[in-house]
Amino acid sequence: MENIDYRTTFLVAAIGALVTALLLHVGVSNPRYLEQNFSNDSVNVLPE
């Protein structure tokens, strides 16, 4: 069971790193994209 737990932990960490890297890449490449989607005006208009 230790191997399964280790793999799961590693997988979660890897996915988290990929998501973080993707957000950083988008933020650096398209700052206007982040401003449009994460501005204070659009906080209450998030899709469900």
PDB file of N, CA and C in Angstrom:
ATOM      1  N   MET A   1       0.830  -1.206   0.000  1.00  0.00           N
ATOM      2  CA  MET A   1       0.000   0.000   0.000  1.00  0.00           C
ATOM      3  C   MET A   1       0.870   1.265   0.000  1.00  0.00           C
ATOM      4  N   GLU A   2       2.097   1.130   0.517  1.00  0.00           N
ATOM      5  CA  GLU A   2       2.965   2.305   0.572  1.00  0.00           C
ATOM      6  C   GLU A   2       3.277   2.814  -0.825  1.00  0.00           C
ATOM      7  N   ASN A   3       3.458   1.900  -1.789  1.00  0.00           N
ATOM      8  CA  ASN A   3       3.768   2.316  -3.152  1.00  0.00           C
ATOM      9  C   ASN A   3       2.592   3.074  -3.763  1.00  0.00           C
ATOM     10  N   ILE A   4       1.373   2.607  -3.505  1.00  0.00           N
ATOM     11  CA  ILE A   4       0.186   3.267  -4.050  1.00  0.00           C
ATOM     12  C   ILE A   4       0.051   4.668  -3.447  1.00  0.00           C
ATOM     13  N   ASP A   5       0.247   4.776  -2.138  1.00  0.00           N
ATOM     14  CA  ASP A   5       0.147   6.079  -1.486  1.00  0.00           C
ATOM     15  C   ASP A   5       1.207   7.032  -2.033  1.00  0.00           C
ATOM     16  N   TYR A   6       2.424   6.500  -2.232  1.00  0.00           N
ATOM     17  CA  TYR A   6       3.504   7.343  -2.744  1.00  0.00           C
ATOM     18  C   TYR A   6       3.187   7.815  -4.151  1.00  0.00           C
ATOM     19  N   ARG A   7       2.676   6.920  -4.976  1.00  0.00           N
ATOM     20  CA  ARG A   7       2.349   7.297  -6.355  1.00  0.00           C
ATOM     21  C   ARG A   7       1.219   8.312  -6.388  1.00  0.00           C
ATOM     22  N   THR A   8       0.232   8.135  -5.541  1.00  0.00           N
ATOM     23  CA  THR A   8      -0.889   9.080  -5.497  1.00  0.00           C
ATOM     24  C   THR A   8      -0.405  10.461  -5.074  1.00  0.00           C
ATOM     25  N   THR A   9       0.440  10.495  -4.048  1.00  0.00           N
ATOM     26  CA  THR A   9       0.978  11.777  -3.579  1.00  0.00           C
ATOM     27  C   THR A   9       1.785  12.449  -4.671  1.00  0.00           C
ATOM     28  N   PHE A  10       2.611  11.655  -5.364  1.00  0.00           N
ATOM     29  CA  PHE A  10       3.434  12.209  -6.438  1.00  0.00           C
ATOM     30  C   PHE A  10       2.561  12.715  -7.570  1.00  0.00           C
ATOM     31  N   LEU A  11       1.497  11.973  -7.886  1.00  0.00           N
ATOM     32  CA  LEU A  11       0.600  12.372  -8.970  1.00  0.00           C
ATOM     33  C   LEU A  11      -0.089  13.688  -8.639  1.00  0.00           C
ATOM     34  N   VAL A  12      -0.577  13.819  -7.423  1.00  0.00           N
ATOM     35  CA  VAL A  12      -1.236  15.057  -6.998  1.00  0.00           C
ATOM     36  C   VAL A  12      -0.256  16.225  -7.061  1.00  0.00           C
ATOM     37  N   ALA A  13       0.979  15.981  -6.607  1.00  0.00           N
ATOM     38  CA  ALA A  13       1.992  17.045  -6.630  1.00  0.00           C
ATOM     39  C   ALA A  13       2.322  17.433  -8.061  1.00  0.00           C
ATOM     40  N   ALA A  14       2.404  16.443  -8.951  1.00  0.00           N
ATOM     41  CA  ALA A  14       2.734  16.720 -10.351  1.00  0.00           C
ATOM     42  C   ALA A  14       1.619  17.527 -11.012  1.00  0.00           C
ATOM     43  N   ILE A  15       0.365  17.154 -10.754  1.00  0.00           N
ATOM     44  CA  ILE A  15      -0.767  17.884 -11.336  1.00  0.00           C
ATOM     45  C   ILE A  15      -0.789  19.321 -10.812  1.00  0.00           C
ATOM     46  N   GLY A  16      -0.543  19.474  -9.519  1.00  0.00           N
ATOM     47  CA  GLY A  16      -0.509  20.811  -8.938  1.00  0.00           C
ATOM     48  C   GLY A  16       0.570  21.666  -9.572  1.00  0.00           C
ATOM     49  N   ALA A  17       1.735  21.053  -9.819  1.00  0.00           N
ATOM     50  CA  ALA A  17       2.838  21.787 -10.441  1.00  0.00           C
ATOM     51  C   ALA A  17       2.484  22.180 -11.871  1.00  0.00           C
ATOM     52  N   LEU A  18       1.832  21.277 -12.604  1.00  0.00           N
ATOM     53  CA  LEU A  18       1.445  21.571 -13.985  1.00  0.00           C
ATOM     54  C   LEU A  18       0.432  22.708 -14.031  1.00  0.00           C
ATOM     55  N   VAL A  19      -0.550  22.671 -13.141  1.00  0.00           N
ATOM     56  CA  VAL A  19      -1.564  23.730 -13.110  1.00  0.00           C
ATOM     57  C   VAL A  19      -0.920  25.073 -12.777  1.00  0.00           C
ATOM     58  N   THR A  20      -0.016  25.054 -11.797  1.00  0.00           N
ATOM     59  CA  THR A  20       0.674  26.293 -11.417  1.00  0.00           C
ATOM     60  C   THR A  20       1.498  26.827 -12.574  1.00  0.00           C
ATOM     61  N   ALA A  21       2.223  25.928 -13.248  1.00  0.00           N
ATOM     62  CA  ALA A  21       3.054  26.344 -14.384  1.00  0.00           C
ATOM     63  C   ALA A  21       2.187  26.906 -15.504  1.00  0.00           C
ATOM     64  N   LEU A  22       1.027  26.279 -15.731  1.00  0.00           N
ATOM     65  CA  LEU A  22       0.133  26.744 -16.790  1.00  0.00           C
ATOM     66  C   LEU A  22      -0.397  28.140 -16.473  1.00  0.00           C
ATOM     67  N   LEU A  23      -0.811  28.346 -15.219  1.00  0.00           N
ATOM     68  CA  LEU A  23      -1.318  29.662 -14.828  1.00  0.00           C
ATOM     69  C   LEU A  23      -0.233  30.719 -14.946  1.00  0.00           C
ATOM     70  N   LEU A  24       0.997  30.375 -14.537  1.00  0.00           N
ATOM     71  CA  LEU A  24       2.102  31.333 -14.648  1.00  0.00           C
ATOM     72  C   LEU A  24       2.386  31.642 -16.104  1.00  0.00           C
ATOM     73  N   HIS A  25       2.357  30.613 -16.963  1.00  0.00           N
ATOM     74  CA  HIS A  25       2.637  30.812 -18.386  1.00  0.00           C
ATOM     75  C   HIS A  25       1.585  31.721 -19.014  1.00  0.00           C
ATOM     76  N   VAL A  26       0.318  31.460 -18.700  1.00  0.00           N
ATOM     77  CA  VAL A  26      -0.767  32.288 -19.243  1.00  0.00           C
ATOM     78  C   VAL A  26      -0.647  33.713 -18.714  1.00  0.00           C
ATOM     79  N   GLY A  27      -0.299  33.846 -17.432  1.00  0.00           N
ATOM     80  CA  GLY A  27      -0.178  35.169 -16.833  1.00  0.00           C
ATOM     81  C   GLY A  27       0.936  35.976 -17.470  1.00  0.00           C
ATOM     82  N   VAL A  28       2.040  35.312 -17.811  1.00  0.00           N
ATOM     83  CA  VAL A  28       3.168  36.015 -18.425  1.00  0.00           C
ATOM     84  C   VAL A  28       2.880  36.319 -19.890  1.00  0.00           C
ATOM     85  N   SER A  29       2.240  35.364 -20.571  1.00  0.00           N
ATOM     86  CA  SER A  29       1.989  35.537 -22.007  1.00  0.00           C
ATOM     87  C   SER A  29       0.821  36.481 -22.274  1.00  0.00           C
ATOM     88  N   ASN A  30      -0.258  36.315 -21.504  1.00  0.00           N
ATOM     89  CA  ASN A  30      -1.464  37.114 -21.756  1.00  0.00           C
ATOM     90  C   ASN A  30      -1.987  37.743 -20.468  1.00  0.00           C
ATOM     91  N   PRO A  31      -1.347  38.790 -19.982  1.00  0.00           N
ATOM     92  CA  PRO A  31      -1.828  39.426 -18.747  1.00  0.00           C
ATOM     93  C   PRO A  31      -3.242  39.977 -18.892  1.00  0.00           C
ATOM     94  N   ARG A  32      -3.602  40.390 -20.112  1.00  0.00           N
ATOM     95  CA  ARG A  32      -4.962  40.910 -20.324  1.00  0.00           C
ATOM     96  C   ARG A  32      -5.994  39.804 -20.142  1.00  0.00           C
ATOM     97  N   TYR A  33      -5.628  38.569 -20.501  1.00  0.00           N
ATOM     98  CA  TYR A  33      -6.545  37.436 -20.335  1.00  0.00           C
ATOM     99  C   TYR A  33      -6.881  37.244 -18.860  1.00  0.00           C
ATOM    100  N   LEU A  34      -5.863  37.330 -18.012  1.00  0.00           N
ATOM    101  CA  LEU A  34      -6.105  37.172 -16.580  1.00  0.00           C
ATOM    102  C   LEU A  34      -6.919  38.338 -16.043  1.00  0.00           C
ATOM    103  N   GLU A  35      -6.656  39.532 -16.552  1.00  0.00           N
ATOM    104  CA  GLU A  35      -7.403  40.694 -16.076  1.00  0.00           C
ATOM    105  C   GLU A  35      -8.883  40.565 -16.419  1.00  0.00           C
ATOM    106  N   GLN A  36      -9.180  40.019 -17.606  1.00  0.00           N
ATOM    107  CA  GLN A  36     -10.577  39.887 -18.025  1.00  0.00           C
ATOM    108  C   GLN A  36     -11.298  38.809 -17.218  1.00  0.00           C
ATOM    109  N   ASN A  37     -10.614  37.697 -16.937  1.00  0.00           N
ATOM    110  CA  ASN A  37     -11.281  36.575 -16.285  1.00  0.00           C
ATOM    111  C   ASN A  37     -11.225  36.621 -14.760  1.00  0.00           C
ATOM    112  N   PHE A  38     -10.258  37.341 -14.204  1.00  0.00           N
ATOM    113  CA  PHE A  38     -10.106  37.334 -12.753  1.00  0.00           C
ATOM    114  C   PHE A  38     -10.229  38.729 -12.148  1.00  0.00           C
ATOM    115  N   SER A  39     -10.874  39.632 -12.891  1.00  0.00           N
ATOM    116  CA  SER A  39     -11.066  40.975 -12.353  1.00  0.00           C
ATOM    117  C   SER A  39     -12.183  40.950 -11.311  1.00  0.00           C
ATOM    118  N   ASN A  40     -12.264  41.983 -10.493  1.00  0.00           N
ATOM    119  CA  ASN A  40     -13.275  42.035  -9.439  1.00  0.00           C
ATOM    120  C   ASN A  40     -14.687  42.093 -10.014  1.00  0.00           C
ATOM    121  N   ASP A  41     -14.827  42.611 -11.224  1.00  0.00           N
ATOM    122  CA  ASP A  41     -16.154  42.755 -11.825  1.00  0.00           C
ATOM    123  C   ASP A  41     -16.742  41.412 -12.237  1.00  0.00           C
ATOM    124  N   SER A  42     -15.878  40.419 -12.525  1.00  0.00           N
ATOM    125  CA  SER A  42     -16.387  39.148 -13.037  1.00  0.00           C
ATOM    126  C   SER A  42     -16.426  38.064 -11.968  1.00  0.00           C
ATOM    127  N   VAL A  43     -16.155  38.431 -10.718  1.00  0.00           N
ATOM    128  CA  VAL A  43     -16.130  37.422  -9.662  1.00  0.00           C
ATOM    129  C   VAL A  43     -17.513  36.810  -9.472  1.00  0.00           C
ATOM    130  N   ASN A  44     -18.552  37.623  -9.564  1.00  0.00           N
ATOM    131  CA  ASN A  44     -19.914  37.148  -9.323  1.00  0.00           C
ATOM    132  C   ASN A  44     -20.555  36.545 -10.568  1.00  0.00           C
ATOM    133  N   VAL A  45     -19.814  36.467 -11.668  1.00  0.00           N
ATOM    134  CA  VAL A  45     -20.389  35.970 -12.916  1.00  0.00           C
ATOM    135  C   VAL A  45     -19.703  34.669 -13.338  1.00  0.00           C
ATOM    136  N   LEU A  46     -19.150  33.950 -12.334  1.00  0.00           N
ATOM    137  CA  LEU A  46     -18.468  32.697 -12.653  1.00  0.00           C
ATOM    138  C   LEU A  46     -19.479  31.649 -13.107  1.00  0.00           C
ATOM    139  N   PRO A  47     -19.141  30.850 -14.115  1.00  0.00           N
ATOM    140  CA  PRO A  47     -20.058  29.798 -14.587  1.00  0.00           C
ATOM    141  C   PRO A  47     -20.214  28.707 -13.546  1.00  0.00           C
ATOM    142  N   GLU A  48     -21.381  28.110 -13.488  1.00  0.00           N
ATOM    143  CA  GLU A  48     -21.628  27.059 -12.494  1.00  0.00           C
ATOM    144  C   GLU A  48     -21.396  25.680 -13.085  1.00  0.00           C
TER     145      GLU A  48
END
